[in-house]
Amino acid sequence: MEKLHFSLVSPERELFSGEVDQVDAPGSEGDFGVLAGHAPFMTTLKEGRVHVHLADGMRVFDVQGGFADVTPNGLTILAEHAVEIV
């Protein structure tokens, strides 16, 4: 399975950067999922959870607004505020 490059950045720091299987995020116009090879788009985010699917499990982050940008190089989320749910 092809991997997706994903970065999650908040104003304080980069919370995650790496190759993942899938990312599910809370878009302002509806939740969405991104896999490798997804068509490019940009959207705003609402408050909610970002689920990062990895080969060995899942990591979950709570985000409060921001932007998601899907490009041919991967997905970048620029969150206004984000923390990992442990």
PDB file of N, CA and C in Angstrom:
ATOM      1  N   MET A   1       0.849  -1.187   0.000  1.00  0.00           N
ATOM      2  CA  MET A   1       0.000   0.000   0.000  1.00  0.00           C
ATOM      3  C   MET A   1       0.888   1.242   0.000  1.00  0.00           C
ATOM      4  N   GLU A   2       0.556   2.174  -0.882  1.00  0.00           N
ATOM      5  CA  GLU A   2       1.314   3.415  -0.961  1.00  0.00           C
ATOM      6  C   GLU A   2       1.060   4.266   0.277  1.00  0.00           C
ATOM      7  N   LYS A   3       2.088   4.943   0.756  1.00  0.00           N
ATOM      8  CA  LYS A   3       1.988   5.766   1.963  1.00  0.00           C
ATOM      9  C   LYS A   3       1.738   7.228   1.606  1.00  0.00           C
ATOM     10  N   LEU A   4       1.103   7.929   2.538  1.00  0.00           N
ATOM     11  CA  LEU A   4       0.812   9.351   2.423  1.00  0.00           C
ATOM     12  C   LEU A   4       1.750  10.092   3.363  1.00  0.00           C
ATOM     13  N   HIS A   5       2.402  11.157   2.868  1.00  0.00           N
ATOM     14  CA  HIS A   5       3.213  11.981   3.768  1.00  0.00           C
ATOM     15  C   HIS A   5       2.277  12.961   4.468  1.00  0.00           C
ATOM     16  N   PHE A   6       2.324  12.979   5.804  1.00  0.00           N
ATOM     17  CA  PHE A   6       1.431  13.814   6.599  1.00  0.00           C
ATOM     18  C   PHE A   6       2.216  14.631   7.607  1.00  0.00           C
ATOM     19  N   SER A   7       1.863  15.920   7.702  1.00  0.00           N
ATOM     20  CA  SER A   7       2.446  16.808   8.715  1.00  0.00           C
ATOM     21  C   SER A   7       1.315  17.519   9.440  1.00  0.00           C
ATOM     22  N   LEU A   8       1.418  17.560  10.770  1.00  0.00           N
ATOM     23  CA  LEU A   8       0.477  18.305  11.606  1.00  0.00           C
ATOM     24  C   LEU A   8       1.275  19.341  12.372  1.00  0.00           C
ATOM     25  N   VAL A   9       0.945  20.613  12.129  1.00  0.00           N
ATOM     26  CA  VAL A   9       1.709  21.716  12.706  1.00  0.00           C
ATOM     27  C   VAL A   9       0.755  22.639  13.454  1.00  0.00           C
ATOM     28  N   SER A  10       1.159  23.033  14.661  1.00  0.00           N
ATOM     29  CA  SER A  10       0.424  24.049  15.420  1.00  0.00           C
ATOM     30  C   SER A  10       1.351  25.250  15.559  1.00  0.00           C
ATOM     31  N   PRO A  11       0.843  26.389  16.033  1.00  0.00           N
ATOM     32  CA  PRO A  11       1.731  27.546  16.199  1.00  0.00           C
ATOM     33  C   PRO A  11       2.913  27.263  17.134  1.00  0.00           C
ATOM     34  N   GLU A  12       2.732  26.350  18.081  1.00  0.00           N
ATOM     35  CA  GLU A  12       3.798  26.054  19.043  1.00  0.00           C
ATOM     36  C   GLU A  12       4.892  25.162  18.467  1.00  0.00           C
ATOM     37  N   ARG A  13       4.480  24.128  17.671  1.00  0.00           N
ATOM     38  CA  ARG A  13       5.464  23.161  17.195  1.00  0.00           C
ATOM     39  C   ARG A  13       4.846  22.204  16.184  1.00  0.00           C
ATOM     40  N   GLU A  14       5.698  21.395  15.563  1.00  0.00           N
ATOM     41  CA  GLU A  14       5.230  20.322  14.696  1.00  0.00           C
ATOM     42  C   GLU A  14       4.912  19.126  15.585  1.00  0.00           C
ATOM     43  N   LEU A  15       3.661  18.647  15.537  1.00  0.00           N
ATOM     44  CA  LEU A  15       3.240  17.535  16.388  1.00  0.00           C
ATOM     45  C   LEU A  15       3.469  16.180  15.737  1.00  0.00           C
ATOM     46  N   PHE A  16       3.445  16.147  14.390  1.00  0.00           N
ATOM     47  CA  PHE A  16       3.631  14.871  13.699  1.00  0.00           C
ATOM     48  C   PHE A  16       4.146  15.143  12.295  1.00  0.00           C
ATOM     49  N   SER A  17       5.042  14.295  11.845  1.00  0.00           N
ATOM     50  CA  SER A  17       5.491  14.309  10.461  1.00  0.00           C
ATOM     51  C   SER A  17       5.955  12.908  10.113  1.00  0.00           C
ATOM     52  N   GLY A  18       5.372  12.327   9.067  1.00  0.00           N
ATOM     53  CA  GLY A  18       5.796  10.996   8.678  1.00  0.00           C
ATOM     54  C   GLY A  18       4.894  10.383   7.628  1.00  0.00           C
ATOM     55  N   GLU A  19       5.203   9.141   7.289  1.00  0.00           N
ATOM     56  CA  GLU A  19       4.454   8.389   6.288  1.00  0.00           C
ATOM     57  C   GLU A  19       3.346   7.610   6.987  1.00  0.00           C
ATOM     58  N   VAL A  20       2.112   7.761   6.498  1.00  0.00           N
ATOM     59  CA  VAL A  20       0.944   7.147   7.131  1.00  0.00           C
ATOM     60  C   VAL A  20       0.099   6.441   6.076  1.00  0.00           C
ATOM     61  N   ASP A  21      -0.845   5.609   6.548  1.00  0.00           N
ATOM     62  CA  ASP A  21      -1.767   4.927   5.639  1.00  0.00           C
ATOM     63  C   ASP A  21      -2.941   5.811   5.260  1.00  0.00           C
ATOM     64  N   GLN A  22      -3.476   6.568   6.238  1.00  0.00           N
ATOM     65  CA  GLN A  22      -4.661   7.392   6.006  1.00  0.00           C
ATOM     66  C   GLN A  22      -4.773   8.419   7.115  1.00  0.00           C
ATOM     67  N   VAL A  23      -5.407   9.557   6.809  1.00  0.00           N
ATOM     68  CA  VAL A  23      -5.718  10.574   7.812  1.00  0.00           C
ATOM     69  C   VAL A  23      -7.186  10.953   7.655  1.00  0.00           C
ATOM     70  N   ASP A  24      -7.929  10.964   8.777  1.00  0.00           N
ATOM     71  CA  ASP A  24      -9.314  11.421   8.805  1.00  0.00           C
ATOM     72  C   ASP A  24      -9.346  12.713   9.606  1.00  0.00           C
ATOM     73  N   ALA A  25     -10.026  13.742   9.069  1.00  0.00           N
ATOM     74  CA  ALA A  25     -10.006  15.055   9.705  1.00  0.00           C
ATOM     75  C   ALA A  25     -11.388  15.709   9.663  1.00  0.00           C
ATOM     76  N   PRO A  26     -11.626  16.657  10.589  1.00  0.00           N
ATOM     77  CA  PRO A  26     -12.921  17.329  10.678  1.00  0.00           C
ATOM     78  C   PRO A  26     -12.984  18.600   9.818  1.00  0.00           C
ATOM     79  N   GLY A  27     -13.370  18.456   8.571  1.00  0.00           N
ATOM     80  CA  GLY A  27     -13.499  19.617   7.696  1.00  0.00           C
ATOM     81  C   GLY A  27     -14.685  20.475   8.084  1.00  0.00           C
ATOM     82  N   SER A  28     -14.594  21.757   7.811  1.00  0.00           N
ATOM     83  CA  SER A  28     -15.687  22.670   8.167  1.00  0.00           C
ATOM     84  C   SER A  28     -16.967  22.344   7.402  1.00  0.00           C
ATOM     85  N   GLU A  29     -16.850  21.676   6.256  1.00  0.00           N
ATOM     86  CA  GLU A  29     -18.029  21.299   5.476  1.00  0.00           C
ATOM     87  C   GLU A  29     -18.271  19.800   5.518  1.00  0.00           C
ATOM     88  N   GLY A  30     -17.660  19.120   6.489  1.00  0.00           N
ATOM     89  CA  GLY A  30     -17.839  17.677   6.653  1.00  0.00           C
ATOM     90  C   GLY A  30     -16.510  16.986   6.863  1.00  0.00           C
ATOM     91  N   ASP A  31     -16.548  15.894   7.603  1.00  0.00           N
ATOM     92  CA  ASP A  31     -15.337  15.121   7.852  1.00  0.00           C
ATOM     93  C   ASP A  31     -14.852  14.502   6.540  1.00  0.00           C
ATOM     94  N   PHE A  32     -13.537  14.322   6.431  1.00  0.00           N
ATOM     95  CA  PHE A  32     -12.975  13.752   5.210  1.00  0.00           C
ATOM     96  C   PHE A  32     -11.794  12.858   5.548  1.00  0.00           C
ATOM     97  N   GLY A  33     -11.481  11.956   4.626  1.00  0.00           N
ATOM     98  CA  GLY A  33     -10.328  11.075   4.756  1.00  0.00           C
ATOM     99  C   GLY A  33      -9.410  11.268   3.565  1.00  0.00           C
ATOM    100  N   VAL A  34      -8.104  11.127   3.811  1.00  0.00           N
ATOM    101  CA  VAL A  34      -7.110  11.301   2.745  1.00  0.00           C
ATOM    102  C   VAL A  34      -6.195  10.085   2.716  1.00  0.00           C
ATOM    103  N   LEU A  35      -6.036   9.521   1.523  1.00  0.00           N
ATOM    104  CA  LEU A  35      -5.102   8.426   1.253  1.00  0.00           C
ATOM    105  C   LEU A  35      -4.048   8.939   0.272  1.00  0.00           C
ATOM    106  N   ALA A  36      -2.991   8.181   0.082  1.00  0.00           N
ATOM    107  CA  ALA A  36      -1.983   8.537  -0.925  1.00  0.00           C
ATOM    108  C   ALA A  36      -2.660   8.668  -2.281  1.00  0.00           C
ATOM    109  N   GLY A  37      -2.257   9.666  -3.066  1.00  0.00           N
ATOM    110  CA  GLY A  37      -2.803   9.861  -4.402  1.00  0.00           C
ATOM    111  C   GLY A  37      -4.110  10.632  -4.431  1.00  0.00           C
ATOM    112  N   HIS A  38      -4.530  11.191  -3.308  1.00  0.00           N
ATOM    113  CA  HIS A  38      -5.784  11.951  -3.258  1.00  0.00           C
ATOM    114  C   HIS A  38      -5.683  13.198  -4.138  1.00  0.00           C
ATOM    115  N   ALA A  39      -6.796  13.596  -4.713  1.00  0.00           N
ATOM    116  CA  ALA A  39      -6.831  14.819  -5.526  1.00  0.00           C
ATOM    117  C   ALA A  39      -6.516  16.030  -4.648  1.00  0.00           C
ATOM    118  N   PRO A  40      -5.777  17.000  -5.166  1.00  0.00           N
ATOM    119  CA  PRO A  40      -5.436  18.189  -4.376  1.00  0.00           C
ATOM    120  C   PRO A  40      -6.685  18.994  -3.981  1.00  0.00           C
ATOM    121  N   PHE A  41      -6.688  19.498  -2.757  1.00  0.00           N
ATOM    122  CA  PHE A  41      -7.715  20.429  -2.310  1.00  0.00           C
ATOM    123  C   PHE A  41      -7.249  21.105  -1.030  1.00  0.00           C
ATOM    124  N   MET A  42      -7.950  22.189  -0.681  1.00  0.00           N
ATOM    125  CA  MET A  42      -7.669  22.889   0.571  1.00  0.00           C
ATOM    126  C   MET A  42      -9.006  23.171   1.228  1.00  0.00           C
ATOM    127  N   THR A  43      -9.057  23.048   2.572  1.00  0.00           N
ATOM    128  CA  THR A  43     -10.286  23.322   3.300  1.00  0.00           C
ATOM    129  C   THR A  43      -9.957  23.838   4.694  1.00  0.00           C
ATOM    130  N   THR A  44     -10.923  24.481   5.298  1.00  0.00           N
ATOM    131  CA  THR A  44     -10.773  24.882   6.693  1.00  0.00           C
ATOM    132  C   THR A  44     -11.235  23.727   7.579  1.00  0.00           C
ATOM    133  N   LEU A  45     -10.739  23.743   8.804  1.00  0.00           N
ATOM    134  CA  LEU A  45     -11.095  22.699   9.759  1.00  0.00           C
ATOM    135  C   LEU A  45     -11.980  23.264  10.855  1.00  0.00           C
ATOM    136  N   LYS A  46     -12.861  22.424  11.367  1.00  0.00           N
ATOM    137  CA  LYS A  46     -13.641  22.778  12.550  1.00  0.00           C
ATOM    138  C   LYS A  46     -13.011  22.056  13.739  1.00  0.00           C
ATOM    139  N   GLU A  47     -13.493  22.346  14.919  1.00  0.00           N
ATOM    140  CA  GLU A  47     -12.996  21.659  16.115  1.00  0.00           C
ATOM    141  C   GLU A  47     -13.359  20.184  16.034  1.00  0.00           C
ATOM    142  N   GLY A  48     -12.399  19.327  16.354  1.00  0.00           N
ATOM    143  CA  GLY A  48     -12.652  17.888  16.306  1.00  0.00           C
ATOM    144  C   GLY A  48     -11.374  17.094  16.414  1.00  0.00           C
ATOM    145  N   ARG A  49     -11.446  15.848  15.992  1.00  0.00           N
ATOM    146  CA  ARG A  49     -10.313  14.923  16.113  1.00  0.00           C
ATOM    147  C   ARG A  49      -9.741  14.569  14.742  1.00  0.00           C
ATOM    148  N   VAL A  50      -8.417  14.524  14.699  1.00  0.00           N
ATOM    149  CA  VAL A  50      -7.695  14.046  13.517  1.00  0.00           C
ATOM    150  C   VAL A  50      -7.187  12.642  13.867  1.00  0.00           C
ATOM    151  N   HIS A  51      -7.601  11.653  13.068  1.00  0.00           N
ATOM    152  CA  HIS A  51      -7.177  10.266  13.267  1.00  0.00           C
ATOM    153  C   HIS A  51      -6.104   9.930  12.234  1.00  0.00           C
ATOM    154  N   VAL A  52      -4.926   9.549  12.727  1.00  0.00           N
ATOM    155  CA  VAL A  52      -3.795   9.216  11.859  1.00  0.00           C
ATOM    156  C   VAL A  52      -3.607   7.706  11.900  1.00  0.00           C
ATOM    157  N   HIS A  53      -3.870   7.049  10.763  1.00  0.00           N
ATOM    158  CA  HIS A  53      -3.787   5.589  10.672  1.00  0.00           C
ATOM    159  C   HIS A  53      -2.367   5.197  10.272  1.00  0.00           C
ATOM    160  N   LEU A  54      -1.710   4.436  11.142  1.00  0.00           N
ATOM    161  CA  LEU A  54      -0.341   3.964  10.919  1.00  0.00           C
ATOM    162  C   LEU A  54      -0.345   2.453  10.767  1.00  0.00           C
ATOM    163  N   ALA A  55       0.735   1.906  10.249  1.00  0.00           N
ATOM    164  CA  ALA A  55       0.832   0.457  10.075  1.00  0.00           C
ATOM    165  C   ALA A  55       0.685  -0.276  11.407  1.00  0.00           C
ATOM    166  N   ASP A  56       1.138   0.358  12.502  1.00  0.00           N
ATOM    167  CA  ASP A  56       1.119  -0.310  13.808  1.00  0.00           C
ATOM    168  C   ASP A  56       0.099   0.288  14.782  1.00  0.00           C
ATOM    169  N   GLY A  57      -0.930   0.955  14.270  1.00  0.00           N
ATOM    170  CA  GLY A  57      -1.950   1.501  15.158  1.00  0.00           C
ATOM    171  C   GLY A  57      -2.438   2.861  14.702  1.00  0.00           C
ATOM    172  N   MET A  58      -2.932   3.642  15.655  1.00  0.00           N
ATOM    173  CA  MET A  58      -3.498   4.947  15.338  1.00  0.00           C
ATOM    174  C   MET A  58      -3.063   5.970  16.375  1.00  0.00           C
ATOM    175  N   ARG A  59      -2.868   7.194  15.901  1.00  0.00           N
ATOM    176  CA  ARG A  59      -2.642   8.332  16.807  1.00  0.00           C
ATOM    177  C   ARG A  59      -3.783   9.317  16.578  1.00  0.00           C
ATOM    178  N   VAL A  60      -4.224   9.941  17.663  1.00  0.00           N
ATOM    179  CA  VAL A  60      -5.377  10.836  17.589  1.00  0.00           C
ATOM    180  C   VAL A  60      -4.985  12.189  18.168  1.00  0.00           C
ATOM    181  N   PHE A  61      -5.356  13.249  17.451  1.00  0.00           N
ATOM    182  CA  PHE A  61      -5.064  14.620  17.866  1.00  0.00           C
ATOM    183  C   PHE A  61      -6.370  15.399  17.931  1.00  0.00           C
ATOM    184  N   ASP A  62      -6.505  16.235  18.947  1.00  0.00           N
ATOM    185  CA  ASP A  62      -7.639  17.129  19.078  1.00  0.00           C
ATOM    186  C   ASP A  62      -7.226  18.462  18.463  1.00  0.00           C
ATOM    187  N   VAL A  63      -7.977  18.938  17.466  1.00  0.00           N
ATOM    188  CA  VAL A  63      -7.647  20.208  16.813  1.00  0.00           C
ATOM    189  C   VAL A  63      -8.788  21.199  17.013  1.00  0.00           C
ATOM    190  N   GLN A  64      -8.412  22.470  17.056  1.00  0.00           N
ATOM    191  CA  GLN A  64      -9.398  23.535  17.187  1.00  0.00           C
ATOM    192  C   GLN A  64      -9.176  24.533  16.058  1.00  0.00           C
ATOM    193  N   GLY A  65      -9.734  24.208  14.896  1.00  0.00           N
ATOM    194  CA  GLY A  65      -9.635  25.082  13.741  1.00  0.00           C
ATOM    195  C   GLY A  65      -8.305  24.990  13.024  1.00  0.00           C
ATOM    196  N   GLY A  66      -8.269  25.615  11.853  1.00  0.00           N
ATOM    197  CA  GLY A  66      -7.057  25.623  11.048  1.00  0.00           C
ATOM    198  C   GLY A  66      -7.373  25.304   9.598  1.00  0.00           C
ATOM    199  N   PHE A  67      -6.351  24.835   8.878  1.00  0.00           N
ATOM    200  CA  PHE A  67      -6.473  24.531   7.456  1.00  0.00           C
ATOM    201  C   PHE A  67      -5.865  23.173   7.153  1.00  0.00           C
ATOM    202  N   ALA A  68      -6.413  22.502   6.151  1.00  0.00           N
ATOM    203  CA  ALA A  68      -5.836  21.266   5.624  1.00  0.00           C
ATOM    204  C   ALA A  68      -5.531  21.499   4.155  1.00  0.00           C
ATOM    205  N   ASP A  69      -4.334  21.108   3.735  1.00  0.00           N
ATOM    206  CA  ASP A  69      -3.895  21.310   2.355  1.00  0.00           C
ATOM    207  C   ASP A  69      -3.381  19.982   1.807  1.00  0.00           C
ATOM    208  N   VAL A  70      -4.100  19.444   0.817  1.00  0.00           N
ATOM    209  CA  VAL A  70      -3.676  18.204   0.149  1.00  0.00           C
ATOM    210  C   VAL A  70      -3.020  18.592  -1.166  1.00  0.00           C
ATOM    211  N   THR A  71      -1.780  18.150  -1.350  1.00  0.00           N
ATOM    212  CA  THR A  71      -1.031  18.401  -2.581  1.00  0.00           C
ATOM    213  C   THR A  71      -0.516  17.056  -3.099  1.00  0.00           C
ATOM    214  N   PRO A  72       0.088  17.030  -4.283  1.00  0.00           N
ATOM    215  CA  PRO A  72       0.688  15.773  -4.744  1.00  0.00           C
ATOM    216  C   PRO A  72       1.766  15.254  -3.781  1.00  0.00           C
ATOM    217  N   ASN A  73       2.321  16.140  -2.929  1.00  0.00           N
ATOM    218  CA  ASN A  73       3.357  15.720  -1.975  1.00  0.00           C
ATOM    219  C   ASN A  73       2.793  15.170  -0.670  1.00  0.00           C
ATOM    220  N   GLY A  74       1.486  15.321  -0.425  1.00  0.00           N
ATOM    221  CA  GLY A  74       0.900  14.801   0.807  1.00  0.00           C
ATOM    222  C   GLY A  74      -0.097  15.757   1.419  1.00  0.00           C
ATOM    223  N   LEU A  75      -0.348  15.577   2.711  1.00  0.00           N
ATOM    224  CA  LEU A  75      -1.315  16.369   3.460  1.00  0.00           C
ATOM    225  C   LEU A  75      -0.603  17.139   4.560  1.00  0.00           C
ATOM    226  N   THR A  76      -0.888  18.433   4.636  1.00  0.00           N
ATOM    227  CA  THR A  76      -0.397  19.262   5.730  1.00  0.00           C
ATOM    228  C   THR A  76      -1.594  19.880   6.426  1.00  0.00           C
ATOM    229  N   ILE A  77      -1.642  19.745   7.754  1.00  0.00           N
ATOM    230  CA  ILE A  77      -2.654  20.417   8.551  1.00  0.00           C
ATOM    231  C   ILE A  77      -1.956  21.490   9.364  1.00  0.00           C
ATOM    232  N   LEU A  78      -2.426  22.725   9.205  1.00  0.00           N
ATOM    233  CA  LEU A  78      -1.948  23.859   9.991  1.00  0.00           C
ATOM    234  C   LEU A  78      -3.070  24.161  10.973  1.00  0.00           C
ATOM    235  N   ALA A  79      -2.930  23.705  12.206  1.00  0.00           N
ATOM    236  CA  ALA A  79      -3.978  23.835  13.207  1.00  0.00           C
ATOM    237  C   ALA A  79      -3.780  25.078  14.052  1.00  0.00           C
ATOM    238  N   GLU A  80      -4.885  25.737  14.388  1.00  0.00           N
ATOM    239  CA  GLU A  80      -4.805  26.887  15.298  1.00  0.00           C
ATOM    240  C   GLU A  80      -4.356  26.430  16.679  1.00  0.00           C
ATOM    241  N   HIS A  81      -4.821  25.239  17.077  1.00  0.00           N
ATOM    242  CA  HIS A  81      -4.410  24.629  18.343  1.00  0.00           C
ATOM    243  C   HIS A  81      -4.562  23.126  18.174  1.00  0.00           C
ATOM    244  N   ALA A  82      -3.596  22.348  18.643  1.00  0.00           N
ATOM    245  CA  ALA A  82      -3.673  20.893  18.531  1.00  0.00           C
ATOM    246  C   ALA A  82      -2.918  20.236  19.675  1.00  0.00           C
ATOM    247  N   VAL A  83      -3.499  19.151  20.196  1.00  0.00           N
ATOM    248  CA  VAL A  83      -2.838  18.342  21.225  1.00  0.00           C
ATOM    249  C   VAL A  83      -3.107  16.876  20.910  1.00  0.00           C
ATOM    250  N   GLU A  84      -2.141  16.028  21.254  1.00  0.00           N
ATOM    251  CA  GLU A  84      -2.340  14.588  21.051  1.00  0.00           C
ATOM    252  C   GLU A  84      -3.176  14.027  22.182  1.00  0.00           C
ATOM    253  N   ILE A  85      -4.129  13.180  21.830  1.00  0.00           N
ATOM    254  CA  ILE A  85      -4.951  12.474  22.806  1.00  0.00           C
ATOM    255  C   ILE A  85      -4.212  11.181  23.131  1.00  0.00           C
ATOM    256  N   VAL A  86      -3.869  10.997  24.390  1.00  0.00           N
ATOM    257  CA  VAL A  86      -3.068   9.826  24.765  1.00  0.00           C
ATOM    258  C   VAL A  86      -3.953   8.758  25.378  1.00  0.00           C
TER     259      VAL A  86
END
